[in-house]
C-alpha atoms as a PDB file:
ATOM      1  CA  MET A   1     156.476  64.133  54.247  1.00  0.00           C
ATOM      2  CA  GLU A   2     154.425  63.821  51.099  1.00  0.00           C
ATOM      3  CA  PRO A   3     152.695  67.019  49.889  1.00  0.00           C
ATOM      4  CA  ARG A   4     149.283  65.404  50.357  1.00  0.00           C
ATOM      5  CA  GLN A   5     150.137  64.695  54.014  1.00  0.00           C
ATOM      6  CA  VAL A   6     151.250  68.289  54.554  1.00  0.00           C
ATOM      7  CA  LEU A   7     148.066  69.593  52.935  1.00  0.00           C
ATOM      8  CA  ALA A   8     145.849  67.324  55.042  1.00  0.00           C
ATOM      9  CA  LEU A   9     147.444  68.550  58.284  1.00  0.00           C
ATOM     10  CA  LEU A  10     147.334  72.134  57.063  1.00  0.00           C
ATOM     11  CA  ARG A  11     143.602  71.922  56.387  1.00  0.00           C
ATOM     12  CA  GLN A  12     143.109  70.574  59.887  1.00  0.00           C
ATOM     13  CA  HIS A  13     145.402  72.920  61.841  1.00  0.00           C
ATOM     14  CA  GLY A  14     146.439  75.880  59.636  1.00  0.00           C
ATOM     15  CA  ARG A  15     145.747  79.064  61.601  1.00  0.00           C
ATOM     16  CA  ASN A  16     148.747  81.339  61.099  1.00  0.00           C
ATOM     17  CA  THR A  17     148.062  83.684  58.176  1.00  0.00           C
ATOM     18  CA  ILE A  18     151.166  82.472  56.312  1.00  0.00           C
ATOM     19  CA  SER A  19     150.615  78.792  57.100  1.00  0.00           C
ATOM     20  CA  PHE A  20     149.874  77.987  53.440  1.00  0.00           C
ATOM     21  CA  GLN A  21     153.475  78.903  52.614  1.00  0.00           C
ATOM     22  CA  THR A  22     154.558  75.761  54.427  1.00  0.00           C
ATOM     23  CA  LEU A  23     153.562  73.948  51.211  1.00  0.00           C
ATOM     24  CA  MET A  24     156.200  75.711  49.143  1.00  0.00           C
ATOM     25  CA  PRO A  25     158.887  73.572  47.440  1.00  0.00           C
ATOM     26  CA  GLY A  26     162.315  73.466  49.040  1.00  0.00           C
ATOM     27  CA  LEU A  27     161.162  73.387  52.657  1.00  0.00           C
ATOM     28  CA  ARG A  28     162.038  70.676  55.145  1.00  0.00           C
ATOM     29  CA  TYR A  29     159.527  69.192  57.578  1.00  0.00           C
ATOM     30  CA  PHE A  30     160.069  68.271  61.193  1.00  0.00           C
ATOM     31  CA  GLN A  31     157.719  65.848  62.916  1.00  0.00           C
ATOM     32  CA  SER A  32     157.680  64.315  66.365  1.00  0.00           C
ATOM     33  CA  HIS A  33     155.149  62.213  68.234  1.00  0.00           C
ATOM     34  CA  GLU A  34     152.495  64.910  67.874  1.00  0.00           C
ATOM     35  CA  SER A  35     150.183  65.037  64.865  1.00  0.00           C
ATOM     36  CA  GLY A  36     151.544  68.034  63.000  1.00  0.00           C
ATOM     37  CA  TYR A  37     154.732  69.510  61.589  1.00  0.00           C
ATOM     38  CA  ILE A  38     157.107  72.456  61.508  1.00  0.00           C
ATOM     39  CA  ALA A  39     158.245  73.656  58.084  1.00  0.00           C
ATOM     40  CA  TYR A  40     161.722  75.158  57.990  1.00  0.00           C
ATOM     41  CA  VAL A  41     164.809  75.963  55.974  1.00  0.00           C
ATOM     42  CA  HIS A  42     168.320  74.983  57.035  1.00  0.00           C
ATOM     43  CA  ASP A  43     170.991  77.603  56.429  1.00  0.00           C
ATOM     44  CA  LYS A  44     174.363  76.560  57.838  1.00  0.00           C
ATOM     45  CA  HIS A  45     173.857  76.701  61.619  1.00  0.00           C
ATOM     46  CA  VAL A  46     170.312  78.088  61.652  1.00  0.00           C
ATOM     47  CA  TRP A  47     166.999  76.265  61.436  1.00  0.00           C
ATOM     48  CA  LEU A  48     164.494  78.931  60.406  1.00  0.00           C
ATOM     49  CA  ALA A  49     160.854  77.869  60.698  1.00  0.00           C
ATOM     50  CA  VAL A  50     157.952  79.315  58.719  1.00  0.00           C
ATOM     51  CA  GLY A  51     155.304  80.846  60.984  1.00  0.00           C
ATOM     52  CA  ASP A  52     153.866  78.718  63.798  1.00  0.00           C
ATOM     53  CA  PRO A  53     153.934  74.949  64.305  1.00  0.00           C
ATOM     54  CA  VAL A  54     151.074  73.391  62.327  1.00  0.00           C
ATOM     55  CA  CYS A  55     149.364  71.183  64.875  1.00  0.00           C
ATOM     56  CA  ALA A  56     146.616  71.166  67.483  1.00  0.00           C
ATOM     57  CA  PRO A  57     146.894  74.126  69.905  1.00  0.00           C
ATOM     58  CA  GLN A  58     147.612  71.855  72.873  1.00  0.00           C
ATOM     59  CA  ASP A  59     150.581  70.290  71.027  1.00  0.00           C
ATOM     60  CA  ARG A  60     152.365  73.495  69.964  1.00  0.00           C
ATOM     61  CA  MET A  61     154.685  73.801  72.938  1.00  0.00           C
ATOM     62  CA  LEU A  62     155.774  70.154  72.883  1.00  0.00           C
ATOM     63  CA  LEU A  63     156.348  70.120  69.111  1.00  0.00           C
ATOM     64  CA  ALA A  64     158.375  73.345  69.350  1.00  0.00           C
ATOM     65  CA  HIS A  65     160.384  71.824  72.217  1.00  0.00           C
ATOM     66  CA  HIS A  66     161.253  68.733  70.163  1.00  0.00           C
ATOM     67  CA  PHE A  67     162.209  70.943  67.208  1.00  0.00           C
ATOM     68  CA  ARG A  68     164.500  73.009  69.422  1.00  0.00           C
ATOM     69  CA  LYS A  69     166.060  69.854  70.837  1.00  0.00           C
ATOM     70  CA  ALA A  70     166.706  68.439  67.348  1.00  0.00           C
ATOM     71  CA  ALA A  71     168.272  71.722  66.233  1.00  0.00           C
ATOM     72  CA  HIS A  72     170.558  71.650  69.270  1.00  0.00           C
ATOM     73  CA  VAL A  73     171.697  68.119  68.422  1.00  0.00           C
ATOM     74  CA  ALA A  74     172.458  69.369  64.890  1.00  0.00           C
ATOM     75  CA  LYS A  75     174.425  72.286  66.435  1.00  0.00           C
ATOM     76  CA  ALA A  76     171.984  74.786  64.951  1.00  0.00           C
ATOM     77  CA  ASP A  77     170.086  77.733  66.369  1.00  0.00           C
ATOM     78  CA  CYS A  78     166.304  77.397  66.446  1.00  0.00           C
ATOM     79  CA  CYS A  79     164.328  80.315  64.981  1.00  0.00           C
ATOM     80  CA  PHE A  80     160.732  81.040  63.979  1.00  0.00           C
ATOM     81  CA  LEU A  81     159.866  83.863  61.579  1.00  0.00           C
ATOM     82  CA  HIS A  82     156.445  85.547  61.416  1.00  0.00           C
ATOM     83  CA  THR A  83     155.204  84.032  64.639  1.00  0.00           C
ATOM     84  CA  SER A  84     151.738  84.957  65.896  1.00  0.00           C
ATOM     85  CA  GLN A  85     151.018  86.593  69.250  1.00  0.00           C
ATOM     86  CA  GLU A  86     149.583  83.391  70.717  1.00  0.00           C
ATOM     87  CA  MET A  87     152.701  81.423  69.736  1.00  0.00           C
ATOM     88  CA  ARG A  88     154.959  84.203  70.965  1.00  0.00           C
ATOM     89  CA  ASP A  89     153.323  83.832  74.406  1.00  0.00           C
ATOM     90  CA  ILE A  90     154.256  80.142  74.355  1.00  0.00           C
ATOM     91  CA  PHE A  91     157.833  80.949  73.349  1.00  0.00           C
ATOM     92  CA  ASP A  92     158.078  83.370  76.284  1.00  0.00           C
ATOM     93  CA  LEU A  93     157.341  80.436  78.591  1.00  0.00           C
ATOM     94  CA  MET A  94     160.044  78.429  76.793  1.00  0.00           C
ATOM     95  CA  ALA A  95     162.679  81.157  77.377  1.00  0.00           C
ATOM     96  CA  PHE A  96     162.985  82.059  73.686  1.00  0.00           C
ATOM     97  CA  GLY A  97     164.073  85.516  72.672  1.00  0.00           C
ATOM     98  CA  THR A  98     161.297  87.437  70.911  1.00  0.00           C
ATOM     99  CA  ILE A  99     161.429  90.536  68.724  1.00  0.00           C
ATOM    100  CA  LYS A 100     158.497  92.278  67.079  1.00  0.00           C
ATOM    101  CA  ILE A 101     159.240  92.660  63.359  1.00  0.00           C
ATOM    102  CA  GLY A 102     156.038  94.206  62.039  1.00  0.00           C
ATOM    103  CA  GLU A 103     152.288  93.880  61.963  1.00  0.00           C
ATOM    104  CA  GLU A 104     149.527  92.655  59.704  1.00  0.00           C
ATOM    105  CA  GLY A 105     146.235  94.305  58.878  1.00  0.00           C
ATOM    106  CA  ILE A 106     143.133  92.100  59.074  1.00  0.00           C
ATOM    107  CA  ILE A 107     140.082  92.996  56.988  1.00  0.00           C
ATOM    108  CA  ASN A 108     136.710  91.779  58.239  1.00  0.00           C
ATOM    109  CA  VAL A 109     135.292  90.822  54.858  1.00  0.00           C
ATOM    110  CA  PRO A 110     131.555  91.242  55.657  1.00  0.00           C
ATOM    111  CA  GLU A 111     132.224  94.795  56.927  1.00  0.00           C
ATOM    112  CA  PHE A 112     134.436  95.939  54.040  1.00  0.00           C
ATOM    113  CA  SER A 113     133.273  98.968  52.062  1.00  0.00           C
ATOM    114  CA  THR A 114     134.925 101.530  49.804  1.00  0.00           C
ATOM    115  CA  SER A 115     132.749 104.352  51.121  1.00  0.00           C
ATOM    116  CA  GLY A 116     134.058 107.107  53.397  1.00  0.00           C
ATOM    117  CA  ASN A 117     136.805 109.715  53.225  1.00  0.00           C
ATOM    118  CA  ARG A 118     139.557 107.321  54.274  1.00  0.00           C
ATOM    119  CA  MET A 119     138.932 105.222  51.157  1.00  0.00           C
ATOM    120  CA  ASP A 120     139.260 108.152  48.734  1.00  0.00           C
ATOM    121  CA  ASP A 121     142.606 106.948  47.403  1.00  0.00           C
ATOM    122  CA  VAL A 122     141.305 103.416  46.830  1.00  0.00           C
ATOM    123  CA  ARG A 123     138.178 104.668  45.057  1.00  0.00           C
ATOM    124  CA  TYR A 124     140.231 106.993  42.860  1.00  0.00           C
ATOM    125  CA  GLY A 125     142.567 104.160  41.816  1.00  0.00           C
ATOM    126  CA  CYS A 126     139.707 101.765  41.100  1.00  0.00           C
ATOM    127  CA  ASN A 127     137.786 104.349  39.081  1.00  0.00           C
ATOM    128  CA  HIS A 128     140.860 105.250  37.032  1.00  0.00           C
ATOM    129  CA  ALA A 129     141.601 101.608  36.200  1.00  0.00           C
ATOM    130  CA  ALA A 130     137.968 100.857  35.349  1.00  0.00           C
ATOM    131  CA  LYS A 131     137.668 103.929  33.118  1.00  0.00           C
ATOM    132  CA  SER A 132     140.868 102.828  31.373  1.00  0.00           C
ATOM    133  CA  GLY A 133     139.152  99.571  30.431  1.00  0.00           C
ATOM    134  CA  VAL A 134     140.436  97.227  33.139  1.00  0.00           C
ATOM    135  CA  SER A 135     138.075  94.487  34.309  1.00  0.00           C
ATOM    136  CA  VAL A 136     138.534  91.788  36.960  1.00  0.00           C
ATOM    137  CA  LYS A 137     137.526  88.141  36.656  1.00  0.00           C
ATOM    138  CA  GLN A 138     137.845  85.164  38.999  1.00  0.00           C
ATOM    139  CA  VAL A 139     139.768  82.377  37.299  1.00  0.00           C
ATOM    140  CA  GLY A 140     138.529  78.848  36.846  1.00  0.00           C
ATOM    141  CA  ASP A 141     140.251  76.519  34.406  1.00  0.00           C
ATOM    142  CA  GLU A 142     140.414  78.922  31.441  1.00  0.00           C
ATOM    143  CA  ALA A 143     143.599  78.013  29.562  1.00  0.00           C
ATOM    144  CA  ASP A 144     144.152  81.510  28.146  1.00  0.00           C
ATOM    145  CA  LEU A 145     143.938  83.155  31.575  1.00  0.00           C
ATOM    146  CA  LEU A 146     146.255  80.584  33.142  1.00  0.00           C
ATOM    147  CA  ALA A 147     148.733  81.156  30.302  1.00  0.00           C
ATOM    148  CA  GLY A 148     148.536  84.905  30.927  1.00  0.00           C
ATOM    149  CA  ILE A 149     149.310  84.397  34.607  1.00  0.00           C
ATOM    150  CA  THR A 150     152.303  82.224  33.727  1.00  0.00           C
ATOM    151  CA  ALA A 151     153.636  84.811  31.274  1.00  0.00           C
ATOM    152  CA  LEU A 152     153.280  87.663  33.774  1.00  0.00           C
ATOM    153  CA  THR A 153     154.966  85.584  36.480  1.00  0.00           C
ATOM    154  CA  ARG A 154     157.882  84.894  34.152  1.00  0.00           C
ATOM    155  CA  GLN A 155     158.201  88.617  33.435  1.00  0.00           C
ATOM    156  CA  TRP A 156     158.165  89.449  37.156  1.00  0.00           C
ATOM    157  CA  SER A 157     160.690  86.724  38.023  1.00  0.00           C
ATOM    158  CA  LYS A 158     163.223  88.125  35.566  1.00  0.00           C
ATOM    159  CA  MET A 159     163.201  91.359  37.554  1.00  0.00           C
ATOM    160  CA  HIS A 160     163.428  89.771  41.024  1.00  0.00           C
ATOM    161  CA  LYS A 161     166.090  87.270  41.992  1.00  0.00           C
ATOM    162  CA  VAL A 162     164.606  84.573  44.228  1.00  0.00           C
ATOM    163  CA  ASN A 163     166.312  81.432  45.536  1.00  0.00           C
ATOM    164  CA  HIS A 164     165.066  78.397  47.462  1.00  0.00           C
ATOM    165  CA  PHE A 165     165.817  79.973  50.833  1.00  0.00           C
ATOM    166  CA  SER A 166     163.586  83.002  50.177  1.00  0.00           C
ATOM    167  CA  PHE A 167     160.305  81.338  51.010  1.00  0.00           C
ATOM    168  CA  LEU A 168     158.744  84.747  51.708  1.00  0.00           C
ATOM    169  CA  LEU A 169     159.262  85.717  48.067  1.00  0.00           C
ATOM    170  CA  SER A 170     158.495  82.427  46.344  1.00  0.00           C
ATOM    171  CA  MET A 171     156.307  82.742  43.247  1.00  0.00           C
ATOM    172  CA  ASN A 172     154.124  79.724  42.457  1.00  0.00           C
ATOM    173  CA  PRO A 173     150.701  81.213  41.641  1.00  0.00           C
ATOM    174  CA  LEU A 174     149.299  78.061  40.024  1.00  0.00           C
ATOM    175  CA  LEU A 175     150.749  75.561  42.496  1.00  0.00           C
ATOM    176  CA  TYR A 176     147.827  74.063  44.452  1.00  0.00           C
ATOM    177  CA  ALA A 177     145.551  76.240  42.326  1.00  0.00           C
ATOM    178  CA  GLU A 178     142.563  74.128  43.336  1.00  0.00           C
ATOM    179  CA  GLU A 179     142.996  75.402  46.917  1.00  0.00           C
ATOM    180  CA  LYS A 180     143.295  79.078  45.937  1.00  0.00           C
ATOM    181  CA  ARG A 181     141.017  81.896  44.781  1.00  0.00           C
ATOM    182  CA  ILE A 182     142.670  83.538  41.780  1.00  0.00           C
ATOM    183  CA  PHE A 183     141.616  86.789  40.125  1.00  0.00           C
ATOM    184  CA  VAL A 184     142.991  88.398  36.965  1.00  0.00           C
ATOM    185  CA  ALA A 185     142.901  91.965  35.696  1.00  0.00           C
ATOM    186  CA  LEU A 186     142.188  92.168  31.957  1.00  0.00           C
ATOM    187  CA  HIS A 187     142.952  95.071  29.623  1.00  0.00           C
ATOM    188  CA  ASP A 188     142.248  94.699  25.912  1.00  0.00           C
ATOM    189  CA  SER A 189     141.668  90.979  26.612  1.00  0.00           C
ATOM    190  CA  LYS A 190     145.215  90.662  27.967  1.00  0.00           C
ATOM    191  CA  VAL A 191     146.164  89.638  31.517  1.00  0.00           C
ATOM    192  CA  VAL A 192     147.815  92.727  33.037  1.00  0.00           C
ATOM    193  CA  GLY A 193     147.625  91.654  36.667  1.00  0.00           C
ATOM    194  CA  TYR A 194     146.581  88.872  38.995  1.00  0.00           C
ATOM    195  CA  LEU A 195     145.857  88.211  42.651  1.00  0.00           C
ATOM    196  CA  THR A 196     146.169  84.840  44.347  1.00  0.00           C
ATOM    197  CA  GLY A 197     144.378  84.284  47.626  1.00  0.00           C
ATOM    198  CA  VAL A 198     145.514  81.307  49.677  1.00  0.00           C
ATOM    199  CA  PRO A 199     143.383  79.847  52.472  1.00  0.00           C
ATOM    200  CA  ILE A 200     143.794  80.397  56.183  1.00  0.00           C
ATOM    201  CA  TYR A 201     141.869  77.227  56.855  1.00  0.00           C
ATOM    202  CA  GLN A 202     141.088  77.494  60.557  1.00  0.00           C
ATOM    203  CA  ARG A 203     140.032  81.154  60.369  1.00  0.00           C
ATOM    204  CA  ASN A 204     137.801  80.963  57.285  1.00  0.00           C
ATOM    205  CA  GLY A 205     140.128  83.500  55.739  1.00  0.00           C
ATOM    206  CA  LEU A 206     142.242  84.311  52.733  1.00  0.00           C
ATOM    207  CA  TYR A 207     145.761  85.693  52.517  1.00  0.00           C
ATOM    208  CA  PHE A 208     146.388  87.657  49.330  1.00  0.00           C
ATOM    209  CA  GLU A 209     149.763  86.062  48.724  1.00  0.00           C
ATOM    210  CA  ASP A 210     150.583  87.500  45.294  1.00  0.00           C
ATOM    211  CA  ILE A 211     149.377  90.777  43.811  1.00  0.00           C
ATOM    212  CA  ILE A 212     151.281  91.144  40.558  1.00  0.00           C
ATOM    213  CA  VAL A 213     150.658  93.959  38.077  1.00  0.00           C
ATOM    214  CA  SER A 214     152.294  94.427  34.687  1.00  0.00           C
ATOM    215  CA  LYS A 215     154.401  97.549  34.207  1.00  0.00           C
ATOM    216  CA  ASP A 216     152.081  98.382  31.295  1.00  0.00           C
ATOM    217  CA  ALA A 217     148.869  98.143  33.338  1.00  0.00           C
ATOM    218  CA  PRO A 218     146.839 101.325  33.907  1.00  0.00           C
ATOM    219  CA  ASN A 219     147.281 102.999  37.285  1.00  0.00           C
ATOM    220  CA  GLY A 220     144.959 101.634  39.934  1.00  0.00           C
ATOM    221  CA  THR A 221     144.923  98.080  38.581  1.00  0.00           C
ATOM    222  CA  GLY A 222     146.272  96.634  41.838  1.00  0.00           C
ATOM    223  CA  LYS A 223     143.621  98.402  43.921  1.00  0.00           C
ATOM    224  CA  LEU A 224     140.873  97.260  41.548  1.00  0.00           C
ATOM    225  CA  LEU A 225     142.064  93.663  41.910  1.00  0.00           C
ATOM    226  CA  VAL A 226     141.952  93.816  45.711  1.00  0.00           C
ATOM    227  CA  VAL A 227     138.547  95.499  45.927  1.00  0.00           C
ATOM    228  CA  ASN A 228     136.932  93.135  43.422  1.00  0.00           C
ATOM    229  CA  ALA A 229     138.448  90.129  45.192  1.00  0.00           C
ATOM    230  CA  ILE A 230     137.113  91.209  48.604  1.00  0.00           C
ATOM    231  CA  GLU A 231     133.675  91.928  47.154  1.00  0.00           C
ATOM    232  CA  ALA A 232     133.641  88.429  45.641  1.00  0.00           C
ATOM    233  CA  LEU A 233     134.642  86.953  49.009  1.00  0.00           C
ATOM    234  CA  GLN A 234     131.715  88.760  50.626  1.00  0.00           C
ATOM    235  CA  GLN A 235     129.408  86.733  48.394  1.00  0.00           C
ATOM    236  CA  GLN A 236     131.297  83.525  49.188  1.00  0.00           C
ATOM    237  CA  GLY A 237     131.032  83.723  52.986  1.00  0.00           C
ATOM    238  CA  VAL A 238     134.717  84.344  53.777  1.00  0.00           C
ATOM    239  CA  ALA A 239     135.312  85.908  57.214  1.00  0.00           C
ATOM    240  CA  ILE A 240     138.690  87.668  56.949  1.00  0.00           C
ATOM    241  CA  ALA A 241     141.235  88.724  54.360  1.00  0.00           C
ATOM    242  CA  THR A 242     144.765  90.035  54.677  1.00  0.00           C
ATOM    243  CA  LEU A 243     147.360  91.487  52.350  1.00  0.00           C
ATOM    244  CA  GLY A 244     150.092  90.096  54.582  1.00  0.00           C
ATOM    245  CA  ALA A 245     152.428  91.525  57.179  1.00  0.00           C
ATOM    246  CA  SER A 246     154.116  94.897  56.816  1.00  0.00           C
ATOM    247  CA  PRO A 247     157.741  94.422  57.931  1.00  0.00           C
ATOM    248  CA  LEU A 248     159.033  97.108  60.333  1.00  0.00           C
ATOM    249  CA  ALA A 249     155.557  98.636  60.752  1.00  0.00           C
ATOM    250  CA  ASN A 250     154.515 100.168  64.095  1.00  0.00           C
ATOM    251  CA  ILE A 251     157.526  99.037  66.119  1.00  0.00           C
ATOM    252  CA  THR A 252     158.120 101.206  69.185  1.00  0.00           C
ATOM    253  CA  PRO A 253     161.031 101.219  71.676  1.00  0.00           C
ATOM    254  CA  ASP A 254     158.721  99.551  74.208  1.00  0.00           C
ATOM    255  CA  ASP A 255     158.183  96.516  71.975  1.00  0.00           C
ATOM    256  CA  ASN A 256     161.713  95.093  72.143  1.00  0.00           C
ATOM    257  CA  GLN A 257     163.114  96.429  75.404  1.00  0.00           C
ATOM    258  CA  ASP A 258     165.236  93.328  75.998  1.00  0.00           C
ATOM    259  CA  TYR A 259     167.062  93.851  72.698  1.00  0.00           C
ATOM    260  CA  PRO A 260     167.997  97.558  72.344  1.00  0.00           C
ATOM    261  CA  LEU A 261     170.546  96.841  69.604  1.00  0.00           C
ATOM    262  CA  ALA A 262     167.892  95.037  67.590  1.00  0.00           C
ATOM    263  CA  ASN A 263     165.526  97.966  68.070  1.00  0.00           C
ATOM    264  CA  LYS A 264     168.216 100.322  66.805  1.00  0.00           C
ATOM    265  CA  ALA A 265     168.882  98.090  63.795  1.00  0.00           C
ATOM    266  CA  LEU A 266     165.165  97.985  62.968  1.00  0.00           C
ATOM    267  CA  ALA A 267     164.994 101.776  63.214  1.00  0.00           C
ATOM    268  CA  LEU A 268     167.945 102.079  60.829  1.00  0.00           C
ATOM    269  CA  LEU A 269     166.314  99.657  58.415  1.00  0.00           C
ATOM    270  CA  ARG A 270     163.152 101.767  58.477  1.00  0.00           C
ATOM    271  CA  GLU A 271     165.290 104.806  57.674  1.00  0.00           C
ATOM    272  CA  HIS A 272     167.657 103.352  55.068  1.00  0.00           C
ATOM    273  CA  GLY A 273     166.342  99.922  54.091  1.00  0.00           C
ATOM    274  CA  ASN A 274     163.894 101.045  51.429  1.00  0.00           C
ATOM    275  CA  THR A 275     166.761 100.945  48.927  1.00  0.00           C
ATOM    276  CA  PHE A 276     166.769  97.128  48.956  1.00  0.00           C
ATOM    277  CA  TYR A 277     163.230  96.293  50.111  1.00  0.00           C
ATOM    278  CA  ASN A 278     160.442  98.602  49.003  1.00  0.00           C
ATOM    279  CA  TYR A 279     158.511  98.191  52.237  1.00  0.00           C
ATOM    280  CA  LYS A 280     157.313 101.795  52.606  1.00  0.00           C
ATOM    281  CA  SER A 281     155.188 101.799  49.470  1.00  0.00           C
ATOM    282  CA  LEU A 282     154.017  98.239  50.218  1.00  0.00           C
ATOM    283  CA  THR A 283     152.946  99.283  53.715  1.00  0.00           C
ATOM    284  CA  TYR A 284     151.111 102.319  52.338  1.00  0.00           C
ATOM    285  CA  PHE A 285     149.326 100.157  49.765  1.00  0.00           C
ATOM    286  CA  LYS A 286     148.208  97.635  52.386  1.00  0.00           C
ATOM    287  CA  GLN A 287     147.062 100.286  54.848  1.00  0.00           C
ATOM    288  CA  SER A 288     145.075 102.119  52.179  1.00  0.00           C
ATOM    289  CA  PHE A 289     142.378  99.421  52.425  1.00  0.00           C
ATOM    290  CA  GLN A 290     141.771 100.410  56.068  1.00  0.00           C
ATOM    291  CA  PRO A 291     142.098  97.073  57.892  1.00  0.00           C
ATOM    292  CA  HIS A 292     139.721  96.651  60.811  1.00  0.00           C
ATOM    293  CA  SER A 293     142.434  95.358  63.163  1.00  0.00           C
ATOM    294  CA  TYR A 294     146.166  94.678  63.316  1.00  0.00           C
ATOM    295  CA  GLU A 295     148.059  91.625  64.539  1.00  0.00           C
ATOM    296  CA  PRO A 296     151.771  91.732  65.494  1.00  0.00           C
ATOM    297  CA  HIS A 297     154.366  89.442  63.929  1.00  0.00           C
ATOM    298  CA  TYR A 298     157.452  88.240  65.780  1.00  0.00           C
ATOM    299  CA  PHE A 299     160.860  86.710  65.247  1.00  0.00           C
ATOM    300  CA  CYS A 300     161.463  84.142  67.999  1.00  0.00           C
ATOM    301  CA  PHE A 301     164.809  82.473  68.589  1.00  0.00           C
ATOM    302  CA  TYR A 302     166.747  80.136  70.837  1.00  0.00           C
ATOM    303  CA  PRO A 303     169.227  80.513  72.420  1.00  0.00           C
ATOM    304  CA  PRO A 304     167.781  83.896  73.441  1.00  0.00           C
ATOM    305  CA  ARG A 305     170.980  85.730  72.500  1.00  0.00           C
ATOM    306  CA  LEU A 306     170.536  87.338  69.097  1.00  0.00           C
ATOM    307  CA  LYS A 307     173.351  86.202  66.801  1.00  0.00           C
ATOM    308  CA  ARG A 308     174.612  87.552  63.516  1.00  0.00           C
ATOM    309  CA  ARG A 309     173.880  84.292  61.705  1.00  0.00           C
ATOM    310  CA  MET A 310     170.249  84.463  62.855  1.00  0.00           C
ATOM    311  CA  ILE A 311     169.938  87.958  61.387  1.00  0.00           C
ATOM    312  CA  GLN A 312     171.563  86.838  58.151  1.00  0.00           C
ATOM    313  CA  ALA A 313     169.049  83.988  57.851  1.00  0.00           C
ATOM    314  CA  VAL A 314     166.140  86.423  58.241  1.00  0.00           C
ATOM    315  CA  ILE A 315     167.642  88.814  55.688  1.00  0.00           C
ATOM    316  CA  LYS A 316     167.862  85.969  53.171  1.00  0.00           C
ATOM    317  CA  ALA A 317     164.177  85.243  53.713  1.00  0.00           C
ATOM    318  CA  TYR A 318     163.349  88.754  52.514  1.00  0.00           C
ATOM    319  CA  SER A 319     166.233  89.622  50.197  1.00  0.00           C
ATOM    320  CA  PRO A 320     168.242  86.773  48.619  1.00  0.00           C
ATOM    321  CA  GLY A 321     171.011  89.132  47.568  1.00  0.00           C
ATOM    322  CA  GLY A 322     171.422  90.386  51.115  1.00  0.00           C
ATOM    323  CA  ILE A 323     171.696  93.987  52.246  1.00  0.00           C
ATOM    324  CA  PRO A 324     173.741  96.243  49.961  1.00  0.00           C
ATOM    325  CA  ARG A 325     177.154  97.053  51.403  1.00  0.00           C
ATOM    326  CA  LEU A 326     176.382 100.763  51.737  1.00  0.00           C
ATOM    327  CA  VAL A 327     173.307 100.125  53.892  1.00  0.00           C
ATOM    328  CA  LEU A 328     175.060  97.405  55.917  1.00  0.00           C
ATOM    329  CA  SER A 329     178.028  99.712  56.568  1.00  0.00           C
ATOM    330  CA  ARG A 330     175.740 102.464  57.835  1.00  0.00           C
ATOM    331  CA  ILE A 331     173.870 100.074  60.127  1.00  0.00           C
ATOM    332  CA  SER A 332     177.127  98.610  61.506  1.00  0.00           C
ATOM    333  CA  LYS A 333     178.492 102.079  62.208  1.00  0.00           C
ATOM    334  CA  GLU A 334     175.355 103.135  64.079  1.00  0.00           C
ATOM    335  CA  LEU A 335     175.307  99.924  66.114  1.00  0.00           C
ATOM    336  CA  ARG A 336     178.970 100.345  67.113  1.00  0.00           C
ATOM    337  CA  ALA A 337     178.241 103.875  68.275  1.00  0.00           C
ATOM    338  CA  LEU A 338     175.257 102.676  70.303  1.00  0.00           C
ATOM    339  CA  ARG A 339     177.355  99.913  71.887  1.00  0.00           C
ATOM    340  CA  LEU A 340     180.008 102.442  72.939  1.00  0.00           C
ATOM    341  CA  ARG A 341     177.397 104.747  74.467  1.00  0.00           C
ATOM    342  CA  THR A 342     175.912 101.811  76.369  1.00  0.00           C
ATOM    343  CA  GLN A 343     179.314 100.805  77.742  1.00  0.00           C
ATOM    344  CA  ARG A 344     180.073 104.378  78.834  1.00  0.00           C
ATOM    345  CA  ALA A 345     176.725 104.617  80.595  1.00  0.00           C
ATOM    346  CA  LYS A 346     177.604 101.510  82.607  1.00  0.00           C
ATOM    347  CA  GLY A 347     180.900 103.068  83.673  1.00  0.00           C
ATOM    348  CA  PRO A 348     184.486 101.781  83.410  1.00  0.00           C
ATOM    349  CA  ARG A 349     185.211  98.127  83.856  1.00  0.00           C
ATOM    350  CA  ILE A 350     187.129  97.102  86.985  1.00  0.00           C
ATOM    351  CA  ALA A 351     189.754  94.449  86.401  1.00  0.00           C
ATOM    352  CA  ARG A 352     189.742  91.650  88.924  1.00  0.00           C
ATOM    353  CA  SER A 353     193.045  90.434  90.349  1.00  0.00           C
ATOM    354  CA  LYS A 354     193.783  86.772  89.999  1.00  0.00           C
END
């Protein structure tokens, strides 16, 4: 598919909050008879799709069915990462396995305010940055601001290894810039941070895809960027905004009862995984803006038996270098212990005579 074709369909059907990421370079596109597409990456024997199928609601099940069938012909497992609740309900009907992997805070833009005790931390950060001389500006076609964004992106990329498979970490702030709302933080006339908001077309919303702050920026610069961006969106008639999903957030044992080993692995990642993915501070930052509601995110897969290669594909989407050996060893040890306890609870096996 040509990028212009993808963009046209996305404008017409994009509803999942991460649907704009289906435009990122390096993705493959699956199409069938329906008007729409599924964006995915192919890693050995796993087809890992980005979010939900991008098509009319009545075509989602059929398009997902054809995608699953094509993956089977290619001897690959069929997986969807960051699936919405409404698509998860469809996958339940299709006998997919489903696991909750986190949740996403949704801010109702017209109702957003920094007043109240629960916003103390946000107000403090914004005031500190402003008093330090930081200002926020929405970007048009100013060459100096665009150059500052490019320079800061280059600096960030040197510190974070990202490959083509890691679509969740891709950094292309100026790609499709005409579709985005971009804000920069300025300090002494220098770009010390930026925020890119990408459209959620069918929800009149914006997903704050990148919030990048220089290591030299005054404290509170990130919060000032977010608050100023939301206040600008209030004037522009935008309905919702989101800072994206928080992986591993608010997952209870009741959420994934069919997959107790997966639940245990997620619990271990919450306990030990911060060493390779700084999700705790990211979750705290996102929650500090007091979202008005939360939406769950799911990992859906077929066949419905969770396989190691499926897990490895998801890990690559978040962390290209994989899980450090120390963390992986700890998780494997805990899972082996849980498997033994489960087998003992079921009682000894009885051998059948031939």
